[in-house]
Amino acid sequence: MRWSETGLNWVPTSAGIQDFAAVQGYPMTGLGTYLGGFRSGVGNQHIFRGVSHKIATRDVLEKELRALNLAGVQFRVISVPNAKTGQPAVGLYAEITDYDAWRPTELGFQLMRLACKLEPKNPFTAAKPGEQNGFIRHMGSEAFMRALQRDGARIDLDFWFKQWREQARLYQEKSKRYWLYQ
């Protein structure tokens, strides 16, 4: 079941997770916006579902994100009033179109690769030691951080996805005997 199917009232889990849309968006954009020019949200709205970039135009960003052809996700342009300036804030909203095909974290890793492509300097190399350590703690992999620093936009994400899927398969297999429900 998804939250909307439970009939239960939503209670925000944190300031950044005000609704179920943010819960769904967190694995999509949380790590992908940790370093570099990507921003989670559009203006001060659609946290973890909206995506914008400090220097890439919306047109460039839209072209790059649509070209990814991510399973179960499409992007639509949104414009919302910016609470600070009153001017419109424009970005892209990650719309989940097929829950069965959707792989929540892949967008975030594509954002990391795109940050290396779109920015003049690799943000993972340019990050201060504290930022790097924070990223590694959230990511859970120093090896992936080093690969981003070394390979930048040329990082082989398919290699990493395949490796992580295999690790997840092994974990599922080992943990099955503890499952209460099948």
N, C-alpha and C. Protein backbone atom coordinates (compact mmCIF):
# COMPACT_ATOMS: atom_id res chain seq x y z
N MET A 1 0.83 -1.19 0.00
CA MET A 1 0.00 0.00 0.00
C MET A 1 0.87 1.25 0.00
N ARG A 2 0.34 2.27 -0.61
CA ARG A 2 0.96 3.58 -0.52
C ARG A 2 0.16 4.40 0.49
N TRP A 3 0.78 5.45 1.02
CA TRP A 3 0.14 6.21 2.09
C TRP A 3 -1.27 6.65 1.74
N SER A 4 -1.45 7.12 0.51
CA SER A 4 -2.77 7.63 0.10
C SER A 4 -3.84 6.55 0.16
N GLU A 5 -3.44 5.28 0.13
CA GLU A 5 -4.39 4.18 0.17
C GLU A 5 -4.76 3.76 1.60
N THR A 6 -4.06 4.29 2.59
CA THR A 6 -4.31 3.85 3.98
C THR A 6 -5.50 4.53 4.62
N GLY A 7 -5.85 5.72 4.16
CA GLY A 7 -6.92 6.47 4.79
C GLY A 7 -6.50 7.16 6.08
N LEU A 8 -5.22 7.06 6.42
CA LEU A 8 -4.71 7.67 7.65
C LEU A 8 -4.31 9.12 7.41
N ASN A 9 -4.34 9.92 8.47
CA ASN A 9 -3.89 11.31 8.37
C ASN A 9 -2.38 11.35 8.32
N TRP A 10 -1.86 12.25 7.52
CA TRP A 10 -0.41 12.41 7.40
C TRP A 10 0.10 13.29 8.53
N VAL A 11 1.19 12.90 9.16
CA VAL A 11 1.87 13.71 10.16
C VAL A 11 3.28 13.96 9.63
N PRO A 12 3.64 15.22 9.39
CA PRO A 12 4.98 15.51 8.86
C PRO A 12 6.07 14.90 9.73
N THR A 13 7.04 14.27 9.08
CA THR A 13 8.12 13.62 9.82
C THR A 13 9.28 14.56 10.11
N SER A 14 9.36 15.67 9.36
CA SER A 14 10.39 16.69 9.59
C SER A 14 9.97 17.94 8.84
N ALA A 15 10.74 19.00 9.00
CA ALA A 15 10.44 20.26 8.30
C ALA A 15 10.51 20.08 6.79
N GLY A 16 11.39 19.22 6.33
CA GLY A 16 11.54 18.98 4.89
C GLY A 16 10.60 17.93 4.34
N ILE A 17 10.01 17.14 5.19
CA ILE A 17 9.10 16.08 4.76
C ILE A 17 7.70 16.42 5.27
N GLN A 18 7.07 17.34 4.56
CA GLN A 18 5.75 17.83 4.98
C GLN A 18 4.61 16.99 4.44
N ASP A 19 4.86 16.19 3.38
CA ASP A 19 3.78 15.40 2.79
C ASP A 19 4.35 14.14 2.14
N PHE A 20 3.47 13.28 1.68
CA PHE A 20 3.90 12.02 1.10
C PHE A 20 4.68 12.23 -0.20
N ALA A 21 4.37 13.29 -0.93
CA ALA A 21 5.13 13.58 -2.15
C ALA A 21 6.61 13.79 -1.82
N ALA A 22 6.90 14.44 -0.71
CA ALA A 22 8.29 14.64 -0.29
C ALA A 22 8.94 13.32 0.10
N VAL A 23 8.18 12.44 0.73
CA VAL A 23 8.70 11.11 1.08
C VAL A 23 9.13 10.39 -0.19
N GLN A 24 8.28 10.43 -1.20
CA GLN A 24 8.60 9.78 -2.47
C GLN A 24 9.79 10.45 -3.15
N GLY A 25 9.88 11.75 -3.01
CA GLY A 25 10.95 12.49 -3.68
C GLY A 25 12.29 12.40 -3.00
N TYR A 26 12.31 12.17 -1.70
CA TYR A 26 13.58 12.16 -0.97
C TYR A 26 14.61 11.20 -1.57
N PRO A 27 14.26 9.94 -1.86
CA PRO A 27 15.26 9.06 -2.47
C PRO A 27 15.60 9.46 -3.91
N MET A 28 14.69 10.22 -4.57
CA MET A 28 14.96 10.63 -5.94
C MET A 28 15.96 11.78 -6.01
N THR A 29 15.85 12.75 -5.11
CA THR A 29 16.67 13.95 -5.26
C THR A 29 17.55 14.28 -4.07
N GLY A 30 17.32 13.64 -2.93
CA GLY A 30 18.07 13.99 -1.71
C GLY A 30 19.57 13.99 -1.89
N LEU A 31 20.14 12.84 -2.26
CA LEU A 31 21.59 12.77 -2.46
C LEU A 31 22.03 13.50 -3.72
N GLY A 32 21.19 13.51 -4.74
CA GLY A 32 21.54 14.16 -6.00
C GLY A 32 21.69 15.66 -5.90
N THR A 33 21.14 16.25 -4.83
CA THR A 33 21.25 17.69 -4.64
C THR A 33 22.15 18.05 -3.47
N TYR A 34 22.85 17.07 -2.92
CA TYR A 34 23.69 17.29 -1.73
C TYR A 34 24.90 18.15 -2.06
N LEU A 35 25.57 17.88 -3.17
CA LEU A 35 26.73 18.67 -3.61
C LEU A 35 26.47 19.17 -5.02
N GLY A 36 27.01 20.29 -5.35
CA GLY A 36 26.85 20.83 -6.69
C GLY A 36 25.72 21.83 -6.77
N GLY A 37 25.35 22.17 -7.99
CA GLY A 37 24.40 23.23 -8.24
C GLY A 37 22.94 22.85 -8.28
N PHE A 38 22.63 21.57 -8.16
CA PHE A 38 21.22 21.18 -8.16
C PHE A 38 20.55 21.59 -6.85
N ARG A 39 19.29 21.96 -6.97
CA ARG A 39 18.48 22.33 -5.81
C ARG A 39 17.28 21.40 -5.74
N SER A 40 16.95 21.03 -4.54
CA SER A 40 15.75 20.25 -4.31
C SER A 40 14.61 21.22 -4.08
N GLY A 41 13.57 21.09 -4.86
CA GLY A 41 12.44 22.00 -4.75
C GLY A 41 12.49 23.08 -5.81
N VAL A 42 11.41 23.76 -5.94
CA VAL A 42 11.31 24.92 -6.84
C VAL A 42 10.85 26.07 -5.97
N GLY A 43 11.68 27.12 -5.91
CA GLY A 43 11.42 28.16 -4.93
C GLY A 43 11.50 27.51 -3.56
N ASN A 44 10.49 27.70 -2.76
CA ASN A 44 10.45 27.04 -1.45
C ASN A 44 9.35 25.98 -1.40
N GLN A 45 8.96 25.49 -2.58
CA GLN A 45 7.88 24.50 -2.67
C GLN A 45 8.37 23.22 -3.33
N HIS A 46 7.57 22.19 -3.21
CA HIS A 46 7.83 20.88 -3.84
C HIS A 46 9.21 20.32 -3.46
N ILE A 47 9.54 20.42 -2.16
CA ILE A 47 10.82 19.93 -1.68
C ILE A 47 10.94 18.44 -2.02
N PHE A 48 12.07 18.08 -2.56
CA PHE A 48 12.45 16.73 -2.98
C PHE A 48 11.72 16.24 -4.23
N ARG A 49 10.75 16.99 -4.74
CA ARG A 49 10.10 16.59 -5.99
C ARG A 49 10.45 17.55 -7.12
N GLY A 50 10.68 18.80 -6.79
CA GLY A 50 11.07 19.77 -7.79
C GLY A 50 12.59 19.79 -7.94
N VAL A 51 13.06 20.06 -9.14
CA VAL A 51 14.49 20.10 -9.41
C VAL A 51 14.80 21.37 -10.20
N SER A 52 15.82 22.07 -9.76
CA SER A 52 16.33 23.21 -10.51
C SER A 52 17.84 23.22 -10.34
N HIS A 53 18.50 24.10 -11.08
CA HIS A 53 19.96 24.17 -11.03
C HIS A 53 20.38 25.63 -10.99
N LYS A 54 21.45 25.90 -10.27
CA LYS A 54 21.92 27.28 -10.09
C LYS A 54 22.36 27.94 -11.39
N ILE A 55 22.99 27.17 -12.29
CA ILE A 55 23.51 27.81 -13.51
C ILE A 55 22.92 27.26 -14.80
N ALA A 56 22.45 26.02 -14.82
CA ALA A 56 21.86 25.45 -16.04
C ALA A 56 20.47 26.03 -16.24
N THR A 57 20.16 26.40 -17.46
CA THR A 57 18.83 26.93 -17.75
C THR A 57 17.80 25.81 -17.63
N ARG A 58 16.56 26.21 -17.48
CA ARG A 58 15.49 25.23 -17.39
C ARG A 58 15.43 24.40 -18.66
N ASP A 59 15.64 25.03 -19.83
CA ASP A 59 15.60 24.30 -21.10
C ASP A 59 16.68 23.22 -21.16
N VAL A 60 17.89 23.57 -20.76
CA VAL A 60 18.99 22.60 -20.76
C VAL A 60 18.68 21.47 -19.77
N LEU A 61 18.24 21.84 -18.60
CA LEU A 61 17.93 20.85 -17.57
C LEU A 61 16.80 19.92 -18.04
N GLU A 62 15.78 20.50 -18.63
CA GLU A 62 14.67 19.69 -19.13
C GLU A 62 15.15 18.71 -20.20
N LYS A 63 15.95 19.18 -21.12
CA LYS A 63 16.48 18.31 -22.18
C LYS A 63 17.31 17.17 -21.59
N GLU A 64 18.18 17.48 -20.65
CA GLU A 64 19.04 16.47 -20.03
C GLU A 64 18.23 15.43 -19.25
N LEU A 65 17.26 15.90 -18.46
CA LEU A 65 16.48 14.98 -17.63
C LEU A 65 15.56 14.10 -18.48
N ARG A 66 14.94 14.68 -19.48
CA ARG A 66 14.07 13.88 -20.35
C ARG A 66 14.87 12.83 -21.11
N ALA A 67 16.10 13.17 -21.50
CA ALA A 67 16.95 12.25 -22.26
C ALA A 67 17.34 11.02 -21.44
N LEU A 68 17.23 11.11 -20.12
CA LEU A 68 17.58 9.97 -19.27
C LEU A 68 16.61 8.80 -19.44
N ASN A 69 15.38 9.10 -19.84
CA ASN A 69 14.36 8.07 -20.01
C ASN A 69 14.27 7.16 -18.78
N LEU A 70 14.18 7.77 -17.63
CA LEU A 70 14.11 7.00 -16.39
C LEU A 70 12.79 6.25 -16.31
N ALA A 71 12.86 4.99 -15.94
CA ALA A 71 11.67 4.16 -15.83
C ALA A 71 10.74 4.71 -14.74
N GLY A 72 9.47 4.89 -15.12
CA GLY A 72 8.46 5.28 -14.15
C GLY A 72 8.46 6.74 -13.75
N VAL A 73 9.29 7.58 -14.39
CA VAL A 73 9.37 9.00 -14.02
C VAL A 73 9.30 9.87 -15.27
N GLN A 74 8.53 10.93 -15.18
CA GLN A 74 8.51 11.96 -16.21
C GLN A 74 8.68 13.31 -15.53
N PHE A 75 9.05 14.30 -16.32
CA PHE A 75 9.28 15.63 -15.77
C PHE A 75 8.35 16.63 -16.43
N ARG A 76 7.80 17.51 -15.59
CA ARG A 76 6.96 18.59 -16.13
C ARG A 76 7.44 19.92 -15.56
N VAL A 77 7.33 20.93 -16.38
CA VAL A 77 7.73 22.28 -15.98
C VAL A 77 6.69 22.83 -15.02
N ILE A 78 7.17 23.42 -13.92
CA ILE A 78 6.27 24.08 -12.98
C ILE A 78 6.81 25.47 -12.66
N SER A 79 5.91 26.35 -12.33
CA SER A 79 6.26 27.70 -11.91
C SER A 79 5.46 28.01 -10.66
N VAL A 80 6.17 28.44 -9.63
CA VAL A 80 5.53 28.77 -8.36
C VAL A 80 6.06 30.12 -7.88
N PRO A 81 5.26 30.85 -7.10
CA PRO A 81 5.77 32.12 -6.58
C PRO A 81 6.87 31.87 -5.54
N ASN A 82 7.95 32.59 -5.67
CA ASN A 82 9.04 32.51 -4.70
C ASN A 82 8.64 33.33 -3.49
N ALA A 83 8.61 32.69 -2.32
CA ALA A 83 8.15 33.36 -1.09
C ALA A 83 9.03 34.54 -0.72
N LYS A 84 10.32 34.49 -1.06
CA LYS A 84 11.24 35.57 -0.68
C LYS A 84 11.15 36.77 -1.61
N THR A 85 11.09 36.50 -2.92
CA THR A 85 11.15 37.60 -3.88
C THR A 85 9.81 37.95 -4.50
N GLY A 86 8.86 37.01 -4.45
CA GLY A 86 7.58 37.22 -5.11
C GLY A 86 7.63 36.93 -6.60
N GLN A 87 8.83 36.78 -7.14
CA GLN A 87 9.00 36.46 -8.55
C GLN A 87 8.73 34.97 -8.77
N PRO A 88 8.35 34.58 -9.98
CA PRO A 88 8.12 33.16 -10.24
C PRO A 88 9.43 32.37 -10.16
N ALA A 89 9.36 31.21 -9.54
CA ALA A 89 10.47 30.26 -9.54
C ALA A 89 10.06 29.13 -10.47
N VAL A 90 10.92 28.78 -11.40
CA VAL A 90 10.60 27.78 -12.41
C VAL A 90 11.55 26.60 -12.26
N GLY A 91 11.01 25.42 -12.40
CA GLY A 91 11.83 24.21 -12.34
C GLY A 91 11.07 23.04 -12.92
N LEU A 92 11.59 21.87 -12.67
CA LEU A 92 10.97 20.65 -13.17
C LEU A 92 10.47 19.82 -11.99
N TYR A 93 9.31 19.23 -12.17
CA TYR A 93 8.71 18.39 -11.15
C TYR A 93 8.85 16.95 -11.59
N ALA A 94 9.40 16.10 -10.71
CA ALA A 94 9.56 14.67 -10.99
C ALA A 94 8.24 13.97 -10.68
N GLU A 95 7.55 13.57 -11.71
CA GLU A 95 6.24 12.93 -11.59
C GLU A 95 6.42 11.42 -11.70
N ILE A 96 5.94 10.68 -10.72
CA ILE A 96 6.00 9.22 -10.77
C ILE A 96 4.82 8.75 -11.62
N THR A 97 5.13 8.09 -12.73
CA THR A 97 4.09 7.67 -13.66
C THR A 97 3.81 6.17 -13.63
N ASP A 98 4.76 5.39 -13.11
CA ASP A 98 4.59 3.94 -13.06
C ASP A 98 5.35 3.42 -11.83
N TYR A 99 4.60 3.16 -10.77
CA TYR A 99 5.23 2.74 -9.51
C TYR A 99 5.96 1.40 -9.64
N ASP A 100 5.47 0.52 -10.50
CA ASP A 100 6.12 -0.78 -10.65
C ASP A 100 7.46 -0.68 -11.37
N ALA A 101 7.60 0.28 -12.26
CA ALA A 101 8.85 0.45 -13.01
C ALA A 101 9.83 1.40 -12.31
N TRP A 102 9.31 2.27 -11.45
CA TRP A 102 10.08 3.32 -10.79
C TRP A 102 11.19 2.74 -9.93
N ARG A 103 12.39 3.27 -10.10
CA ARG A 103 13.54 2.93 -9.26
C ARG A 103 13.95 4.24 -8.57
N PRO A 104 13.49 4.44 -7.35
CA PRO A 104 13.55 5.75 -6.68
C PRO A 104 14.90 6.44 -6.66
N THR A 105 15.98 5.72 -6.49
CA THR A 105 17.26 6.40 -6.30
C THR A 105 17.99 6.76 -7.59
N GLU A 106 17.58 6.21 -8.72
CA GLU A 106 18.35 6.42 -9.95
C GLU A 106 18.41 7.88 -10.38
N LEU A 107 17.35 8.63 -10.17
CA LEU A 107 17.37 10.05 -10.53
C LEU A 107 18.48 10.78 -9.77
N GLY A 108 18.61 10.52 -8.49
CA GLY A 108 19.64 11.19 -7.69
C GLY A 108 21.04 10.94 -8.22
N PHE A 109 21.31 9.70 -8.62
CA PHE A 109 22.64 9.39 -9.14
C PHE A 109 22.86 10.03 -10.51
N GLN A 110 21.80 10.13 -11.29
CA GLN A 110 21.91 10.84 -12.58
C GLN A 110 22.16 12.33 -12.34
N LEU A 111 21.54 12.89 -11.29
CA LEU A 111 21.79 14.30 -10.97
C LEU A 111 23.26 14.52 -10.61
N MET A 112 23.85 13.58 -9.89
CA MET A 112 25.28 13.70 -9.54
C MET A 112 26.13 13.71 -10.81
N ARG A 113 25.83 12.79 -11.73
CA ARG A 113 26.58 12.74 -12.99
C ARG A 113 26.37 14.03 -13.79
N LEU A 114 25.11 14.50 -13.84
CA LEU A 114 24.81 15.73 -14.58
C LEU A 114 25.48 16.95 -13.94
N ALA A 115 25.60 16.97 -12.63
CA ALA A 115 26.30 18.09 -11.97
C ALA A 115 27.73 18.17 -12.49
N CYS A 116 28.36 17.02 -12.66
CA CYS A 116 29.73 17.00 -13.19
C CYS A 116 29.77 17.47 -14.64
N LYS A 117 28.71 17.20 -15.38
CA LYS A 117 28.65 17.59 -16.79
C LYS A 117 28.32 19.08 -16.95
N LEU A 118 27.39 19.58 -16.16
CA LEU A 118 26.86 20.93 -16.35
C LEU A 118 27.68 22.03 -15.68
N GLU A 119 28.47 21.66 -14.69
CA GLU A 119 29.19 22.68 -13.92
C GLU A 119 30.63 22.80 -14.40
N PRO A 120 31.19 24.00 -14.31
CA PRO A 120 32.55 24.21 -14.82
C PRO A 120 33.61 23.38 -14.10
N LYS A 121 33.38 23.06 -12.84
CA LYS A 121 34.32 22.26 -12.06
C LYS A 121 33.55 21.12 -11.40
N ASN A 122 34.14 19.94 -11.39
CA ASN A 122 33.52 18.77 -10.76
C ASN A 122 33.20 19.11 -9.29
N PRO A 123 31.91 19.15 -8.91
CA PRO A 123 31.57 19.54 -7.54
C PRO A 123 32.01 18.54 -6.48
N PHE A 124 32.28 17.32 -6.88
CA PHE A 124 32.71 16.30 -5.92
C PHE A 124 34.20 16.42 -5.64
N THR A 125 34.94 16.95 -6.59
CA THR A 125 36.36 17.25 -6.38
C THR A 125 36.50 18.57 -5.64
N ALA A 126 35.63 19.53 -5.96
CA ALA A 126 35.71 20.86 -5.37
C ALA A 126 35.17 20.92 -3.93
N ALA A 127 34.45 19.89 -3.50
CA ALA A 127 33.84 19.90 -2.17
C ALA A 127 34.90 19.95 -1.08
N LYS A 128 34.60 20.71 -0.03
CA LYS A 128 35.49 20.79 1.13
C LYS A 128 35.48 19.44 1.86
N PRO A 129 36.51 19.15 2.64
CA PRO A 129 36.58 17.85 3.35
C PRO A 129 35.32 17.54 4.18
N GLY A 130 34.77 18.51 4.88
CA GLY A 130 33.57 18.27 5.67
C GLY A 130 32.37 17.92 4.79
N GLU A 131 32.26 18.58 3.64
CA GLU A 131 31.18 18.27 2.71
C GLU A 131 31.35 16.87 2.13
N GLN A 132 32.60 16.53 1.80
CA GLN A 132 32.87 15.18 1.29
C GLN A 132 32.51 14.13 2.32
N ASN A 133 32.92 14.35 3.57
CA ASN A 133 32.61 13.40 4.64
C ASN A 133 31.11 13.26 4.85
N GLY A 134 30.40 14.38 4.81
CA GLY A 134 28.94 14.33 4.94
C GLY A 134 28.30 13.54 3.81
N PHE A 135 28.78 13.77 2.61
CA PHE A 135 28.26 13.03 1.45
C PHE A 135 28.51 11.53 1.62
N ILE A 136 29.73 11.18 2.00
CA ILE A 136 30.08 9.76 2.17
C ILE A 136 29.22 9.12 3.26
N ARG A 137 28.99 9.83 4.35
CA ARG A 137 28.13 9.29 5.41
C ARG A 137 26.71 9.04 4.91
N HIS A 138 26.18 10.00 4.15
CA HIS A 138 24.83 9.83 3.61
C HIS A 138 24.79 8.75 2.53
N MET A 139 25.81 8.73 1.70
CA MET A 139 25.89 7.79 0.59
C MET A 139 26.17 6.37 1.07
N GLY A 140 27.03 6.27 2.07
CA GLY A 140 27.41 4.94 2.56
C GLY A 140 28.50 4.29 1.74
N SER A 141 29.14 5.08 0.86
CA SER A 141 30.17 4.50 0.01
C SER A 141 31.24 5.53 -0.32
N GLU A 142 32.41 5.34 0.23
CA GLU A 142 33.53 6.19 -0.15
C GLU A 142 33.96 5.86 -1.58
N ALA A 143 33.82 4.60 -1.97
CA ALA A 143 34.23 4.18 -3.32
C ALA A 143 33.45 4.95 -4.39
N PHE A 144 32.16 5.16 -4.16
CA PHE A 144 31.36 5.88 -5.14
C PHE A 144 31.80 7.34 -5.21
N MET A 145 32.07 7.94 -4.07
CA MET A 145 32.56 9.33 -4.04
C MET A 145 33.85 9.45 -4.83
N ARG A 146 34.77 8.52 -4.61
CA ARG A 146 36.06 8.56 -5.32
C ARG A 146 35.87 8.37 -6.82
N ALA A 147 34.91 7.53 -7.20
CA ALA A 147 34.61 7.33 -8.63
C ALA A 147 34.06 8.62 -9.24
N LEU A 148 33.19 9.32 -8.51
CA LEU A 148 32.68 10.61 -9.00
C LEU A 148 33.81 11.62 -9.15
N GLN A 149 34.71 11.65 -8.19
CA GLN A 149 35.83 12.58 -8.25
C GLN A 149 36.75 12.24 -9.42
N ARG A 150 36.99 10.97 -9.63
CA ARG A 150 37.91 10.53 -10.67
C ARG A 150 37.30 10.64 -12.07
N ASP A 151 36.04 10.18 -12.22
CA ASP A 151 35.44 10.04 -13.54
C ASP A 151 34.48 11.16 -13.91
N GLY A 152 33.98 11.89 -12.93
CA GLY A 152 33.05 12.99 -13.20
C GLY A 152 31.87 12.54 -14.04
N ALA A 153 31.60 13.27 -15.11
CA ALA A 153 30.44 12.99 -15.97
C ALA A 153 30.57 11.67 -16.71
N ARG A 154 31.75 11.08 -16.74
CA ARG A 154 31.96 9.80 -17.42
C ARG A 154 31.73 8.60 -16.49
N ILE A 155 31.29 8.84 -15.26
CA ILE A 155 31.07 7.74 -14.31
C ILE A 155 30.12 6.71 -14.92
N ASP A 156 30.44 5.45 -14.75
CA ASP A 156 29.63 4.36 -15.28
C ASP A 156 28.55 3.99 -14.26
N LEU A 157 27.43 4.71 -14.31
CA LEU A 157 26.36 4.47 -13.36
C LEU A 157 25.76 3.08 -13.51
N ASP A 158 25.72 2.55 -14.72
CA ASP A 158 25.18 1.21 -14.91
C ASP A 158 25.97 0.18 -14.11
N PHE A 159 27.29 0.34 -14.05
CA PHE A 159 28.13 -0.55 -13.24
C PHE A 159 27.68 -0.50 -11.78
N TRP A 160 27.51 0.71 -11.26
CA TRP A 160 27.11 0.87 -9.86
C TRP A 160 25.71 0.33 -9.61
N PHE A 161 24.77 0.62 -10.52
CA PHE A 161 23.40 0.13 -10.36
C PHE A 161 23.38 -1.40 -10.33
N LYS A 162 24.13 -2.01 -11.24
CA LYS A 162 24.18 -3.47 -11.29
C LYS A 162 24.75 -4.04 -9.99
N GLN A 163 25.82 -3.44 -9.51
CA GLN A 163 26.45 -3.89 -8.27
C GLN A 163 25.47 -3.76 -7.09
N TRP A 164 24.78 -2.63 -6.99
CA TRP A 164 23.85 -2.40 -5.89
C TRP A 164 22.64 -3.32 -5.98
N ARG A 165 22.15 -3.59 -7.20
CA ARG A 165 21.02 -4.52 -7.34
C ARG A 165 21.40 -5.92 -6.87
N GLU A 166 22.62 -6.33 -7.19
CA GLU A 166 23.09 -7.64 -6.76
C GLU A 166 23.22 -7.69 -5.24
N GLN A 167 23.75 -6.63 -4.64
CA GLN A 167 23.84 -6.58 -3.18
C GLN A 167 22.44 -6.62 -2.54
N ALA A 168 21.49 -5.92 -3.15
CA ALA A 168 20.12 -5.92 -2.63
C ALA A 168 19.50 -7.31 -2.76
N ARG A 169 19.76 -7.98 -3.89
CA ARG A 169 19.23 -9.33 -4.09
C ARG A 169 19.78 -10.28 -3.02
N LEU A 170 21.07 -10.20 -2.76
CA LEU A 170 21.68 -11.05 -1.75
C LEU A 170 21.12 -10.76 -0.36
N TYR A 171 20.92 -9.49 -0.05
CA TYR A 171 20.35 -9.11 1.24
C TYR A 171 18.93 -9.68 1.38
N GLN A 172 18.13 -9.52 0.32
CA GLN A 172 16.76 -10.04 0.36
C GLN A 172 16.76 -11.55 0.60
N GLU A 173 17.64 -12.23 -0.08
CA GLU A 173 17.72 -13.68 0.06
C GLU A 173 18.11 -14.08 1.48
N LYS A 174 19.11 -13.41 2.04
CA LYS A 174 19.58 -13.73 3.39
C LYS A 174 18.54 -13.37 4.45
N SER A 175 17.79 -12.31 4.23
CA SER A 175 16.85 -11.85 5.26
C SER A 175 15.48 -12.53 5.19
N LYS A 176 15.21 -13.28 4.14
CA LYS A 176 13.89 -13.88 3.96
C LYS A 176 13.42 -14.70 5.15
N ARG A 177 14.32 -15.40 5.79
CA ARG A 177 13.90 -16.26 6.90
C ARG A 177 13.37 -15.45 8.09
N TYR A 178 13.63 -14.15 8.12
CA TYR A 178 13.17 -13.31 9.21
C TYR A 178 11.89 -12.55 8.87
N TRP A 179 11.44 -12.66 7.63
CA TRP A 179 10.26 -11.91 7.19
C TRP A 179 9.01 -12.44 7.90
N LEU A 180 8.18 -11.53 8.36
CA LEU A 180 6.91 -11.92 8.95
C LEU A 180 5.85 -12.16 7.87
N TYR A 181 5.97 -11.44 6.78
CA TYR A 181 4.99 -11.54 5.68
C TYR A 181 5.74 -11.84 4.40
N GLN A 182 5.16 -12.65 3.57
CA GLN A 182 5.79 -13.00 2.29
C GLN A 182 5.16 -12.24 1.15
